[in-house]
Protein backbone atom coordinates (compact mmCIF):
# COMPACT_ATOMS: atom_id res chain seq x y z
CA UNK A 1 -49.49 58.18 -3.62
CA UNK A 2 -48.55 54.92 -2.06
CA UNK A 3 -45.11 55.97 -1.19
CA UNK A 4 -44.97 59.33 0.67
CA UNK A 5 -41.13 59.28 0.75
CA UNK A 6 -41.11 59.69 -3.06
CA UNK A 7 -43.08 62.91 -3.17
CA UNK A 8 -41.05 65.53 -4.63
CA UNK A 9 -42.07 68.04 -2.00
CA UNK A 10 -40.58 65.77 0.64
CA UNK A 11 -37.21 65.67 -0.73
CA UNK A 12 -34.19 67.69 0.39
CA UNK A 13 -32.28 67.15 -2.86
CA UNK A 14 -34.87 68.93 -4.96
CA UNK A 15 -34.87 72.34 -3.51
CA UNK A 16 -31.10 72.17 -3.34
CA UNK A 17 -30.85 71.16 -6.92
CA UNK A 18 -33.51 73.74 -8.12
CA UNK A 19 -31.99 76.36 -5.86
CA UNK A 20 -28.60 75.87 -7.21
CA UNK A 21 -29.85 76.14 -10.68
CA UNK A 22 -31.80 79.38 -9.78
CA UNK A 23 -28.70 80.90 -8.28
CA UNK A 24 -26.51 80.02 -11.24
CA UNK A 25 -29.03 81.62 -13.58
CA UNK A 26 -28.90 84.88 -11.50
CA UNK A 27 -25.15 85.09 -12.01
CA UNK A 28 -25.49 84.68 -15.71
CA UNK A 29 -25.95 88.52 -16.61
CA UNK A 30 -23.16 89.50 -14.28
CA UNK A 31 -20.69 86.88 -15.72
CA UNK A 32 -21.49 87.15 -19.45
CA UNK A 33 -19.68 90.57 -19.93
CA UNK A 34 -16.64 88.95 -18.25
CA UNK A 35 -16.89 85.92 -20.78
CA UNK A 36 -17.16 83.51 -17.88
CA UNK A 37 -19.59 80.67 -17.05
CA UNK A 38 -20.38 80.05 -13.42
CA UNK A 39 -18.01 77.08 -13.25
CA UNK A 40 -15.17 79.20 -14.72
CA UNK A 41 -16.03 81.97 -12.28
CA UNK A 42 -15.62 79.63 -9.27
CA UNK A 43 -12.34 78.31 -10.63
CA UNK A 44 -11.03 81.94 -10.92
CA UNK A 45 -12.30 82.72 -7.45
CA UNK A 46 -10.18 79.82 -6.08
CA UNK A 47 -7.20 81.06 -7.94
CA UNK A 48 -7.59 84.63 -6.87
CA UNK A 49 -7.58 83.25 -3.25
CA UNK A 50 -4.66 80.99 -3.94
CA UNK A 51 -2.73 81.30 -7.13
CA UNK A 52 -0.67 78.33 -8.51
CA UNK A 53 -2.93 75.58 -7.31
CA UNK A 54 -2.50 72.08 -8.96
CA UNK A 55 -5.14 70.69 -11.08
CA UNK A 56 -5.85 68.09 -8.21
CA UNK A 57 -6.15 70.70 -5.53
CA UNK A 58 -8.37 72.91 -7.70
CA UNK A 59 -10.70 70.13 -8.38
CA UNK A 60 -10.84 69.12 -4.78
CA UNK A 61 -11.58 72.67 -3.80
CA UNK A 62 -14.36 73.02 -6.36
CA UNK A 63 -15.74 69.48 -5.91
CA UNK A 64 -15.09 68.90 -9.72
CA UNK A 65 -13.63 65.75 -11.32
CA UNK A 66 -10.71 66.03 -14.06
CA UNK A 67 -13.22 65.44 -16.84
CA UNK A 68 -14.96 68.49 -16.04
CA UNK A 69 -12.06 70.61 -14.81
CA UNK A 70 -9.76 69.88 -17.67
CA UNK A 71 -11.88 71.63 -20.48
CA UNK A 72 -12.81 74.40 -18.15
CA UNK A 73 -9.04 75.22 -17.61
CA UNK A 74 -8.42 74.77 -21.20
CA UNK A 75 -11.08 77.59 -22.08
CA UNK A 76 -9.74 79.89 -19.21
CA UNK A 77 -6.21 79.36 -20.97
CA UNK A 78 -7.63 80.22 -24.38
CA UNK A 79 -9.10 83.33 -22.89
CA UNK A 80 -5.81 84.36 -21.48
CA UNK A 81 -6.79 84.15 -17.76
CA UNK A 82 -4.61 81.17 -16.74
CA UNK A 83 -1.45 79.30 -17.64
CA UNK A 84 -0.97 75.47 -17.13
CA UNK A 85 2.59 74.51 -16.11
CA UNK A 86 4.28 71.31 -15.30
CA UNK A 87 5.67 71.10 -11.71
CA UNK A 88 9.44 70.96 -11.81
CA UNK A 89 9.31 68.52 -8.86
CA UNK A 90 6.96 66.16 -10.49
CA UNK A 91 6.04 66.36 -14.20
CA UNK A 92 2.79 64.59 -13.80
CA UNK A 93 1.54 67.53 -11.68
CA UNK A 94 -0.02 70.44 -13.53
CA UNK A 95 -0.06 73.79 -11.82
CA UNK A 96 -2.58 76.42 -12.75
CA UNK A 97 -1.45 80.10 -12.50
CA UNK A 98 -3.12 83.32 -13.07
CA UNK A 99 -1.81 85.59 -15.89
CA UNK A 100 -1.82 89.37 -15.53
CA UNK A 101 -5.01 89.34 -17.45
CA UNK A 102 -6.66 86.90 -14.91
CA UNK A 103 -5.42 88.94 -11.94
CA UNK A 104 -6.95 92.02 -13.48
CA UNK A 105 -10.27 90.33 -14.02
CA UNK A 106 -10.56 90.23 -10.12
CA UNK A 107 -10.96 93.87 -9.92
CA UNK A 108 -13.98 93.76 -12.30
CA UNK A 109 -15.41 90.72 -10.48
CA UNK A 110 -15.21 92.13 -7.09
CA UNK A 111 -18.54 93.88 -7.68
CA UNK A 112 -20.36 90.66 -8.40
CA UNK A 113 -21.04 89.33 -4.92
CA UNK A 114 -22.61 92.69 -3.92
CA UNK A 115 -24.82 92.56 -7.02
CA UNK A 116 -25.92 88.94 -6.21
CA UNK A 117 -26.88 89.85 -2.77
CA UNK A 118 -29.41 92.22 -4.07
CA UNK A 119 -30.91 89.36 -6.22
CA UNK A 120 -31.43 87.06 -3.56
CA UNK A 121 -34.34 88.08 -1.09
CA UNK A 122 -33.12 86.70 2.07
CA UNK A 123 -31.79 88.61 5.25
CA UNK A 124 -28.10 88.49 5.89
CA UNK A 125 -28.51 86.13 8.92
CA UNK A 126 -30.63 83.86 6.69
CA UNK A 127 -27.96 83.83 4.01
CA UNK A 128 -25.29 83.08 6.72
CA UNK A 129 -27.25 80.29 8.21
CA UNK A 130 -27.96 78.70 4.61
CA UNK A 131 -24.28 79.09 4.05
CA UNK A 132 -23.28 77.26 7.19
CA UNK A 133 -25.85 74.47 6.54
CA UNK A 134 -24.69 73.90 3.02
CA UNK A 135 -21.05 73.72 4.05
CA UNK A 136 -22.33 71.15 6.88
CA UNK A 137 -23.84 68.99 3.98
CA UNK A 138 -20.57 69.24 2.10
CA UNK A 139 -18.51 68.15 5.08
């Protein structure tokens, strides 16, 4: 190959991409009983951590644009997990709030991280280091 820099095995992006796809696929059997996709799950985690986020703040937190976030929130609302309310201060601002059903889902979802840890064959120090490095990339 004339361009060594174009070899797939030399790319940082490829194992990140493939690894992310693999991790998301490992979540699927744990999330299907809850009726959630992975992206809906991370939205719910952000709301369990801080209820009442604006759409903009939630999108920023999840690295999602409004074209992805709007239908995701619409589906969570249809499932009865969240509500969308216009801000009293600024009607252009939409605030996402958990419903009682959405809050109760947290109790069920609390077991998922432990189940996932059993699916990923890395030591705890390796997982912590990978976590640190990935957030370093995101920064």
